[in-house]
Structure formats: structure tokens, C-alpha cells
Amino acid sequence: MGLDDKIKNAAQDLAGKAKEAVGKATNDDSKVAEGQKDQAAASVKQTGEDVKDVFKK
């Protein structure tokens, strides 16, 4: 996995955590859900990249 992909996944995860925190602070359930969705997407991408790395070896 390239460093660029790792950075993008980490950024998406952090953005999701920030959205979730803002949503909780403002009682905005849709923002909480959006943040959780972003975190889940980043996790799925990371897992996919990890699987690719295993097969490269």
C-alpha cells in the first residue's frame, strides 16, 4: 500500500471522528451517522489495502 493511500484513509477516519464529535455536541444525529459512515468507509479501504499487501509478499 502506498503512503498516499495510508494518509488518505487516516484523513478520512479523522474527518469522520470530527463529524461524529460535532454531531454529538450539537445533538445532530445525522452528523453522527455521517461521521460513523466515513469512519467505516476508511476502515474498509484500509482492510482492502492490507489484503493487497499480504498478497504482494
PDB file of N, CA and C in Angstrom:
ATOM      1  N   MET A   1       0.850  -1.172   0.000  1.00  0.00           N
ATOM      2  CA  MET A   1       0.000   0.000   0.000  1.00  0.00           C
ATOM      3  C   MET A   1       0.887   1.221   0.000  1.00  0.00           C
ATOM      4  N   GLY A   2       0.533   2.194  -0.778  1.00  0.00           N
ATOM      5  CA  GLY A   2       1.306   3.407  -0.847  1.00  0.00           C
ATOM      6  C   GLY A   2       1.057   4.317   0.337  1.00  0.00           C
ATOM      7  N   LEU A   3       2.036   5.109   0.603  1.00  0.00           N
ATOM      8  CA  LEU A   3       1.923   6.064   1.699  1.00  0.00           C
ATOM      9  C   LEU A   3       0.755   7.018   1.462  1.00  0.00           C
ATOM     10  N   ASP A   4       0.542   7.368   0.207  1.00  0.00           N
ATOM     11  CA  ASP A   4      -0.554   8.267  -0.144  1.00  0.00           C
ATOM     12  C   ASP A   4      -1.902   7.681   0.273  1.00  0.00           C
ATOM     13  N   ASP A   5      -2.097   6.382   0.027  1.00  0.00           N
ATOM     14  CA  ASP A   5      -3.348   5.724   0.413  1.00  0.00           C
ATOM     15  C   ASP A   5      -3.519   5.694   1.926  1.00  0.00           C
ATOM     16  N   LYS A   6      -2.433   5.430   2.637  1.00  0.00           N
ATOM     17  CA  LYS A   6      -2.497   5.404   4.099  1.00  0.00           C
ATOM     18  C   LYS A   6      -2.901   6.773   4.642  1.00  0.00           C
ATOM     19  N   ILE A   7      -2.342   7.814   4.065  1.00  0.00           N
ATOM     20  CA  ILE A   7      -2.652   9.178   4.518  1.00  0.00           C
ATOM     21  C   ILE A   7      -4.109   9.512   4.231  1.00  0.00           C
ATOM     22  N   LYS A   8      -4.587   9.146   3.040  1.00  0.00           N
ATOM     23  CA  LYS A   8      -5.989   9.421   2.688  1.00  0.00           C
ATOM     24  C   LYS A   8      -6.946   8.682   3.618  1.00  0.00           C
ATOM     25  N   ASN A   9      -6.644   7.416   3.916  1.00  0.00           N
ATOM     26  CA  ASN A   9      -7.508   6.647   4.813  1.00  0.00           C
ATOM     27  C   ASN A   9      -7.505   7.232   6.221  1.00  0.00           C
ATOM     28  N   ALA A  10      -6.337   7.628   6.693  1.00  0.00           N
ATOM     29  CA  ALA A  10      -6.248   8.227   8.031  1.00  0.00           C
ATOM     30  C   ALA A  10      -6.993   9.556   8.075  1.00  0.00           C
ATOM     31  N   ALA A  11      -6.875  10.336   7.009  1.00  0.00           N
ATOM     32  CA  ALA A  11      -7.575  11.628   6.959  1.00  0.00           C
ATOM     33  C   ALA A  11      -9.083  11.426   6.954  1.00  0.00           C
ATOM     34  N   GLN A  12      -9.555  10.435   6.198  1.00  0.00           N
ATOM     35  CA  GLN A  12     -10.995  10.169   6.159  1.00  0.00           C
ATOM     36  C   GLN A  12     -11.485   9.703   7.525  1.00  0.00           C
ATOM     37  N   ASP A  13     -10.690   8.888   8.200  1.00  0.00           N
ATOM     38  CA  ASP A  13     -11.057   8.410   9.530  1.00  0.00           C
ATOM     39  C   ASP A  13     -11.127   9.580  10.515  1.00  0.00           C
ATOM     40  N   LEU A  14     -10.130  10.443  10.477  1.00  0.00           N
ATOM     41  CA  LEU A  14     -10.125  11.598  11.383  1.00  0.00           C
ATOM     42  C   LEU A  14     -11.284  12.540  11.096  1.00  0.00           C
ATOM     43  N   ALA A  15     -11.581  12.755   9.822  1.00  0.00           N
ATOM     44  CA  ALA A  15     -12.706  13.614   9.462  1.00  0.00           C
ATOM     45  C   ALA A  15     -14.010  13.016   9.976  1.00  0.00           C
ATOM     46  N   GLY A  16     -14.135  11.697   9.875  1.00  0.00           N
ATOM     47  CA  GLY A  16     -15.329  11.027  10.392  1.00  0.00           C
ATOM     48  C   GLY A  16     -15.459  11.178  11.892  1.00  0.00           C
ATOM     49  N   LYS A  17     -14.337  11.041  12.594  1.00  0.00           N
ATOM     50  CA  LYS A  17     -14.362  11.212  14.055  1.00  0.00           C
ATOM     51  C   LYS A  17     -14.753  12.634  14.426  1.00  0.00           C
ATOM     52  N   ALA A  18     -14.250  13.599  13.658  1.00  0.00           N
ATOM     53  CA  ALA A  18     -14.583  15.002  13.928  1.00  0.00           C
ATOM     54  C   ALA A  18     -16.073  15.256  13.690  1.00  0.00           C
ATOM     55  N   LYS A  19     -16.607  14.728  12.576  1.00  0.00           N
ATOM     56  CA  LYS A  19     -18.041  14.897  12.286  1.00  0.00           C
ATOM     57  C   LYS A  19     -18.885  14.270  13.387  1.00  0.00           C
ATOM     58  N   GLU A  20     -18.475  13.086  13.830  1.00  0.00           N
ATOM     59  CA  GLU A  20     -19.221  12.413  14.883  1.00  0.00           C
ATOM     60  C   GLU A  20     -19.205  13.237  16.172  1.00  0.00           C
ATOM     61  N   ALA A  21     -18.059  13.786  16.513  1.00  0.00           N
ATOM     62  CA  ALA A  21     -17.941  14.595  17.732  1.00  0.00           C
ATOM     63  C   ALA A  21     -18.800  15.853  17.644  1.00  0.00           C
ATOM     64  N   VAL A  22     -18.776  16.511  16.491  1.00  0.00           N
ATOM     65  CA  VAL A  22     -19.598  17.710  16.305  1.00  0.00           C
ATOM     66  C   VAL A  22     -21.074  17.345  16.400  1.00  0.00           C
ATOM     67  N   GLY A  23     -21.441  16.227  15.790  1.00  0.00           N
ATOM     68  CA  GLY A  23     -22.831  15.776  15.844  1.00  0.00           C
ATOM     69  C   GLY A  23     -23.292  15.490  17.258  1.00  0.00           C
ATOM     70  N   LYS A  24     -22.427  14.854  18.042  1.00  0.00           N
ATOM     71  CA  LYS A  24     -22.781  14.578  19.440  1.00  0.00           C
ATOM     72  C   LYS A  24     -22.897  15.861  20.244  1.00  0.00           C
ATOM     73  N   ALA A  25     -22.004  16.807  19.979  1.00  0.00           N
ATOM     74  CA  ALA A  25     -22.020  18.070  20.722  1.00  0.00           C
ATOM     75  C   ALA A  25     -23.246  18.914  20.403  1.00  0.00           C
ATOM     76  N   THR A  26     -23.754  18.775  19.175  1.00  0.00           N
ATOM     77  CA  THR A  26     -24.894  19.586  18.753  1.00  0.00           C
ATOM     78  C   THR A  26     -26.202  18.793  18.690  1.00  0.00           C
ATOM     79  N   ASN A  27     -26.176  17.556  19.182  1.00  0.00           N
ATOM     80  CA  ASN A  27     -27.352  16.672  19.119  1.00  0.00           C
ATOM     81  C   ASN A  27     -27.876  16.511  17.695  1.00  0.00           C
ATOM     82  N   ASP A  28     -26.965  16.409  16.732  1.00  0.00           N
ATOM     83  CA  ASP A  28     -27.319  16.230  15.325  1.00  0.00           C
ATOM     84  C   ASP A  28     -27.039  14.770  14.952  1.00  0.00           C
ATOM     85  N   ASP A  29     -28.094  13.952  15.040  1.00  0.00           N
ATOM     86  CA  ASP A  29     -27.934  12.521  14.794  1.00  0.00           C
ATOM     87  C   ASP A  29     -27.461  12.215  13.374  1.00  0.00           C
ATOM     88  N   SER A  30     -27.871  13.041  12.406  1.00  0.00           N
ATOM     89  CA  SER A  30     -27.445  12.789  11.031  1.00  0.00           C
ATOM     90  C   SER A  30     -25.942  13.026  10.872  1.00  0.00           C
ATOM     91  N   LYS A  31     -25.411  14.007  11.580  1.00  0.00           N
ATOM     92  CA  LYS A  31     -23.967  14.276  11.520  1.00  0.00           C
ATOM     93  C   LYS A  31     -23.192  13.155  12.218  1.00  0.00           C
ATOM     94  N   VAL A  32     -23.734  12.631  13.310  1.00  0.00           N
ATOM     95  CA  VAL A  32     -23.110  11.497  13.999  1.00  0.00           C
ATOM     96  C   VAL A  32     -23.058  10.303  13.046  1.00  0.00           C
ATOM     97  N   ALA A  33     -24.175  10.021  12.388  1.00  0.00           N
ATOM     98  CA  ALA A  33     -24.242   8.887  11.464  1.00  0.00           C
ATOM     99  C   ALA A  33     -23.294   9.087  10.282  1.00  0.00           C
ATOM    100  N   GLU A  34     -23.212  10.297   9.781  1.00  0.00           N
ATOM    101  CA  GLU A  34     -22.309  10.591   8.661  1.00  0.00           C
ATOM    102  C   GLU A  34     -20.851  10.366   9.077  1.00  0.00           C
ATOM    103  N   GLY A  35     -20.515  10.798  10.275  1.00  0.00           N
ATOM    104  CA  GLY A  35     -19.158  10.593  10.783  1.00  0.00           C
ATOM    105  C   GLY A  35     -18.837   9.124  10.945  1.00  0.00           C
ATOM    106  N   GLN A  36     -19.788   8.362  11.450  1.00  0.00           N
ATOM    107  CA  GLN A  36     -19.580   6.920  11.614  1.00  0.00           C
ATOM    108  C   GLN A  36     -19.454   6.237  10.255  1.00  0.00           C
ATOM    109  N   LYS A  37     -20.220   6.703   9.274  1.00  0.00           N
ATOM    110  CA  LYS A  37     -20.142   6.144   7.924  1.00  0.00           C
ATOM    111  C   LYS A  37     -18.763   6.405   7.327  1.00  0.00           C
ATOM    112  N   ASP A  38     -18.242   7.620   7.507  1.00  0.00           N
ATOM    113  CA  ASP A  38     -16.910   7.942   6.997  1.00  0.00           C
ATOM    114  C   ASP A  38     -15.836   7.068   7.648  1.00  0.00           C
ATOM    115  N   GLN A  39     -15.967   6.843   8.941  1.00  0.00           N
ATOM    116  CA  GLN A  39     -15.003   6.001   9.644  1.00  0.00           C
ATOM    117  C   GLN A  39     -15.072   4.562   9.138  1.00  0.00           C
ATOM    118  N   ALA A  40     -16.276   4.072   8.920  1.00  0.00           N
ATOM    119  CA  ALA A  40     -16.440   2.706   8.423  1.00  0.00           C
ATOM    120  C   ALA A  40     -15.856   2.569   7.019  1.00  0.00           C
ATOM    121  N   ALA A  41     -16.072   3.559   6.180  1.00  0.00           N
ATOM    122  CA  ALA A  41     -15.533   3.522   4.821  1.00  0.00           C
ATOM    123  C   ALA A  41     -14.009   3.507   4.846  1.00  0.00           C
ATOM    124  N   ALA A  42     -13.424   4.312   5.709  1.00  0.00           N
ATOM    125  CA  ALA A  42     -11.966   4.337   5.831  1.00  0.00           C
ATOM    126  C   ALA A  42     -11.449   2.989   6.314  1.00  0.00           C
ATOM    127  N   SER A  43     -12.165   2.377   7.221  1.00  0.00           N
ATOM    128  CA  SER A  43     -11.765   1.073   7.744  1.00  0.00           C
ATOM    129  C   SER A  43     -11.818   0.002   6.664  1.00  0.00           C
ATOM    130  N   VAL A  44     -12.859   0.024   5.846  1.00  0.00           N
ATOM    131  CA  VAL A  44     -12.994  -0.946   4.763  1.00  0.00           C
ATOM    132  C   VAL A  44     -11.864  -0.764   3.753  1.00  0.00           C
ATOM    133  N   LYS A  45     -11.565   0.488   3.414  1.00  0.00           N
ATOM    134  CA  LYS A  45     -10.469   0.758   2.474  1.00  0.00           C
ATOM    135  C   LYS A  45      -9.148   0.263   3.042  1.00  0.00           C
ATOM    136  N   GLN A  46      -8.931   0.510   4.315  1.00  0.00           N
ATOM    137  CA  GLN A  46      -7.689   0.091   4.963  1.00  0.00           C
ATOM    138  C   GLN A  46      -7.565  -1.430   4.945  1.00  0.00           C
ATOM    139  N   THR A  47      -8.646  -2.113   5.227  1.00  0.00           N
ATOM    140  CA  THR A  47      -8.635  -3.575   5.213  1.00  0.00           C
ATOM    141  C   THR A  47      -8.329  -4.094   3.814  1.00  0.00           C
ATOM    142  N   GLY A  48      -8.933  -3.492   2.805  1.00  0.00           N
ATOM    143  CA  GLY A  48      -8.671  -3.883   1.425  1.00  0.00           C
ATOM    144  C   GLY A  48      -7.211  -3.696   1.051  1.00  0.00           C
ATOM    145  N   GLU A  49      -6.632  -2.591   1.473  1.00  0.00           N
ATOM    146  CA  GLU A  49      -5.220  -2.333   1.194  1.00  0.00           C
ATOM    147  C   GLU A  49      -4.333  -3.326   1.937  1.00  0.00           C
ATOM    148  N   ASP A  50      -4.712  -3.668   3.163  1.00  0.00           N
ATOM    149  CA  ASP A  50      -3.939  -4.651   3.935  1.00  0.00           C
ATOM    150  C   ASP A  50      -3.951  -6.015   3.249  1.00  0.00           C
ATOM    151  N   VAL A  51      -5.109  -6.396   2.700  1.00  0.00           N
ATOM    152  CA  VAL A  51      -5.206  -7.674   1.988  1.00  0.00           C
ATOM    153  C   VAL A  51      -4.306  -7.647   0.759  1.00  0.00           C
ATOM    154  N   LYS A  52      -4.307  -6.538   0.038  1.00  0.00           N
ATOM    155  CA  LYS A  52      -3.433  -6.414  -1.134  1.00  0.00           C
ATOM    156  C   LYS A  52      -1.973  -6.564  -0.733  1.00  0.00           C
ATOM    157  N   ASP A  53      -1.618  -5.949   0.390  1.00  0.00           N
ATOM    158  CA  ASP A  53      -0.228  -6.030   0.874  1.00  0.00           C
ATOM    159  C   ASP A  53       0.179  -7.464   1.175  1.00  0.00           C
ATOM    160  N   VAL A  54      -0.737  -8.244   1.731  1.00  0.00           N
ATOM    161  CA  VAL A  54      -0.436  -9.641   2.072  1.00  0.00           C
ATOM    162  C   VAL A  54      -0.097 -10.424   0.797  1.00  0.00           C
ATOM    163  N   PHE A  55      -0.858 -10.182  -0.264  1.00  0.00           N
ATOM    164  CA  PHE A  55      -0.644 -10.933  -1.491  1.00  0.00           C
ATOM    165  C   PHE A  55       0.549 -10.441  -2.293  1.00  0.00           C
ATOM    166  N   LYS A  56       1.039  -9.246  -1.997  1.00  0.00           N
ATOM    167  CA  LYS A  56       2.237  -8.742  -2.673  1.00  0.00           C
ATOM    168  C   LYS A  56       3.494  -9.431  -2.184  1.00  0.00           C
ATOM    169  N   LYS A  57       3.442  -9.965  -0.959  1.00  0.00           N
ATOM    170  CA  LYS A  57       4.633 -10.564  -0.353  1.00  0.00           C
ATOM    171  C   LYS A  57       4.925 -11.912  -0.876  1.00  0.00           C
TER     172      LYS A  57
END
